[in-house]
Amino acid sequence: MRKSGFFPRLALVNLMRNGRFYGPYLLSCGMTAAMYYILSYLTFSDIVASVRGPDISKA
């Protein structure tokens, strides 16, 4: 009997059964990472610094 595939299969079955919980969690993690990179880009972008009123946007 081969036991090496037992735990990965068990983890996959658990992910499939509880997908309604993991789906929104993974979606929110992805959106949080996307918002971080968008805000990071806007903070250090030269384009935003050249817009009229950059003192307000940097505060």
N, C-alpha and C. Protein backbone atom coordinates (compact mmCIF):
# COMPACT_ATOMS: atom_id res chain seq x y z
N MET A 1 0.84 -1.18 0.00
CA MET A 1 0.00 0.00 0.00
C MET A 1 0.88 1.25 0.00
N ARG A 2 0.58 2.16 -0.88
CA ARG A 2 1.38 3.38 -1.02
C ARG A 2 0.74 4.50 -0.20
N LYS A 3 1.48 5.01 0.76
CA LYS A 3 0.95 6.06 1.65
C LYS A 3 1.44 7.45 1.27
N SER A 4 2.32 7.56 0.29
CA SER A 4 2.90 8.86 -0.04
C SER A 4 1.87 9.83 -0.62
N GLY A 5 0.81 9.32 -1.23
CA GLY A 5 -0.20 10.19 -1.82
C GLY A 5 -1.39 10.43 -0.92
N PHE A 6 -1.37 9.91 0.29
CA PHE A 6 -2.52 10.03 1.18
C PHE A 6 -2.76 11.47 1.63
N PHE A 7 -1.73 12.10 2.14
CA PHE A 7 -1.91 13.45 2.70
C PHE A 7 -2.18 14.51 1.63
N PRO A 8 -1.51 14.50 0.49
CA PRO A 8 -1.89 15.46 -0.55
C PRO A 8 -3.32 15.27 -1.04
N ARG A 9 -3.74 14.01 -1.15
CA ARG A 9 -5.12 13.74 -1.58
C ARG A 9 -6.10 14.21 -0.52
N LEU A 10 -5.77 13.98 0.75
CA LEU A 10 -6.62 14.43 1.85
C LEU A 10 -6.73 15.96 1.86
N ALA A 11 -5.62 16.65 1.61
CA ALA A 11 -5.64 18.12 1.55
C ALA A 11 -6.47 18.60 0.38
N LEU A 12 -6.37 17.95 -0.76
CA LEU A 12 -7.15 18.34 -1.93
C LEU A 12 -8.64 18.14 -1.70
N VAL A 13 -9.01 17.03 -1.09
CA VAL A 13 -10.42 16.78 -0.78
C VAL A 13 -10.94 17.84 0.19
N ASN A 14 -10.13 18.21 1.17
CA ASN A 14 -10.53 19.23 2.14
C ASN A 14 -10.73 20.58 1.45
N LEU A 15 -9.84 20.93 0.52
CA LEU A 15 -9.99 22.19 -0.22
C LEU A 15 -11.26 22.19 -1.06
N MET A 16 -11.58 21.07 -1.67
CA MET A 16 -12.78 20.99 -2.50
C MET A 16 -14.05 21.08 -1.65
N ARG A 17 -14.05 20.43 -0.51
CA ARG A 17 -15.24 20.44 0.35
C ARG A 17 -15.48 21.80 0.98
N ASN A 18 -14.40 22.49 1.32
CA ASN A 18 -14.52 23.78 2.00
C ASN A 18 -14.21 24.94 1.07
N GLY A 19 -14.45 24.78 -0.21
CA GLY A 19 -14.17 25.81 -1.19
C GLY A 19 -14.97 27.08 -0.96
N ARG A 20 -16.14 26.96 -0.39
CA ARG A 20 -16.94 28.15 -0.13
C ARG A 20 -16.29 29.07 0.90
N PHE A 21 -15.40 28.52 1.72
CA PHE A 21 -14.66 29.34 2.69
C PHE A 21 -13.33 29.82 2.13
N TYR A 22 -12.65 28.98 1.39
CA TYR A 22 -11.34 29.33 0.84
C TYR A 22 -11.43 30.31 -0.32
N GLY A 23 -12.48 30.23 -1.09
CA GLY A 23 -12.65 31.12 -2.25
C GLY A 23 -12.64 32.59 -1.89
N PRO A 24 -13.55 33.03 -1.01
CA PRO A 24 -13.54 34.44 -0.62
C PRO A 24 -12.25 34.87 0.08
N TYR A 25 -11.65 33.96 0.84
CA TYR A 25 -10.40 34.28 1.52
C TYR A 25 -9.28 34.54 0.51
N LEU A 26 -9.15 33.64 -0.47
CA LEU A 26 -8.11 33.82 -1.48
C LEU A 26 -8.38 35.05 -2.34
N LEU A 27 -9.64 35.32 -2.63
CA LEU A 27 -9.99 36.51 -3.39
C LEU A 27 -9.62 37.78 -2.63
N SER A 28 -9.92 37.81 -1.34
CA SER A 28 -9.59 39.01 -0.55
C SER A 28 -8.08 39.17 -0.40
N CYS A 29 -7.34 38.06 -0.30
CA CYS A 29 -5.87 38.15 -0.24
C CYS A 29 -5.31 38.72 -1.54
N GLY A 30 -5.84 38.27 -2.64
CA GLY A 30 -5.39 38.78 -3.93
C GLY A 30 -5.72 40.25 -4.11
N MET A 31 -6.90 40.66 -3.70
CA MET A 31 -7.29 42.06 -3.82
C MET A 31 -6.46 42.94 -2.89
N THR A 32 -6.12 42.45 -1.71
CA THR A 32 -5.28 43.21 -0.79
C THR A 32 -3.89 43.41 -1.38
N ALA A 33 -3.33 42.37 -1.96
CA ALA A 33 -2.01 42.49 -2.60
C ALA A 33 -2.08 43.45 -3.78
N ALA A 34 -3.14 43.40 -4.57
CA ALA A 34 -3.29 44.32 -5.70
C ALA A 34 -3.38 45.76 -5.23
N MET A 35 -4.15 46.01 -4.19
CA MET A 35 -4.28 47.37 -3.66
C MET A 35 -2.94 47.87 -3.11
N TYR A 36 -2.17 46.99 -2.49
CA TYR A 36 -0.86 47.38 -1.99
C TYR A 36 0.03 47.84 -3.14
N TYR A 37 0.07 47.08 -4.23
CA TYR A 37 0.94 47.44 -5.35
C TYR A 37 0.44 48.69 -6.06
N ILE A 38 -0.86 48.87 -6.14
CA ILE A 38 -1.40 50.09 -6.76
C ILE A 38 -1.03 51.31 -5.93
N LEU A 39 -1.24 51.25 -4.62
CA LEU A 39 -0.90 52.38 -3.76
C LEU A 39 0.60 52.63 -3.70
N SER A 40 1.38 51.56 -3.74
CA SER A 40 2.84 51.71 -3.77
C SER A 40 3.27 52.41 -5.05
N TYR A 41 2.69 52.04 -6.17
CA TYR A 41 3.01 52.69 -7.44
C TYR A 41 2.63 54.16 -7.40
N LEU A 42 1.44 54.47 -6.89
CA LEU A 42 1.01 55.86 -6.85
C LEU A 42 1.87 56.70 -5.90
N THR A 43 2.38 56.07 -4.85
CA THR A 43 3.21 56.81 -3.90
C THR A 43 4.54 57.20 -4.50
N PHE A 44 5.17 56.31 -5.26
CA PHE A 44 6.51 56.54 -5.77
C PHE A 44 6.55 56.92 -7.24
N SER A 45 5.42 57.21 -7.85
CA SER A 45 5.35 57.51 -9.27
C SER A 45 5.74 58.96 -9.54
N ASP A 46 6.54 59.16 -10.58
CA ASP A 46 6.90 60.52 -10.98
C ASP A 46 5.74 61.21 -11.68
N ILE A 47 4.87 60.43 -12.28
CA ILE A 47 3.71 60.99 -12.97
C ILE A 47 2.77 61.66 -11.97
N VAL A 48 2.54 61.02 -10.85
CA VAL A 48 1.66 61.60 -9.83
C VAL A 48 2.32 62.82 -9.20
N ALA A 49 3.64 62.80 -9.09
CA ALA A 49 4.35 63.94 -8.51
C ALA A 49 4.27 65.16 -9.42
N SER A 50 4.10 64.96 -10.73
CA SER A 50 4.05 66.09 -11.64
C SER A 50 2.64 66.67 -11.81
N VAL A 51 1.65 66.04 -11.21
CA VAL A 51 0.28 66.54 -11.30
C VAL A 51 0.13 67.78 -10.43
N ARG A 52 -0.73 68.67 -10.84
CA ARG A 52 -0.95 69.90 -10.08
C ARG A 52 -1.44 69.55 -8.69
N GLY A 53 -0.84 70.13 -7.69
CA GLY A 53 -1.20 69.91 -6.30
C GLY A 53 -0.58 68.65 -5.70
N PRO A 54 0.70 68.36 -5.98
CA PRO A 54 1.27 67.14 -5.44
C PRO A 54 1.45 67.19 -3.91
N ASP A 55 1.47 68.40 -3.35
CA ASP A 55 1.62 68.49 -1.90
C ASP A 55 0.42 67.89 -1.19
N ILE A 56 -0.75 68.02 -1.77
CA ILE A 56 -1.95 67.47 -1.17
C ILE A 56 -1.93 65.95 -1.25
N SER A 57 -1.51 65.39 -2.37
CA SER A 57 -1.51 63.93 -2.55
C SER A 57 -0.40 63.26 -1.74
N LYS A 58 0.64 63.94 -1.39
CA LYS A 58 1.74 63.34 -0.62
C LYS A 58 1.48 63.38 0.88
N ALA A 59 0.49 64.13 1.32
CA ALA A 59 0.25 64.28 2.76
C ALA A 59 -0.31 63.06 3.38
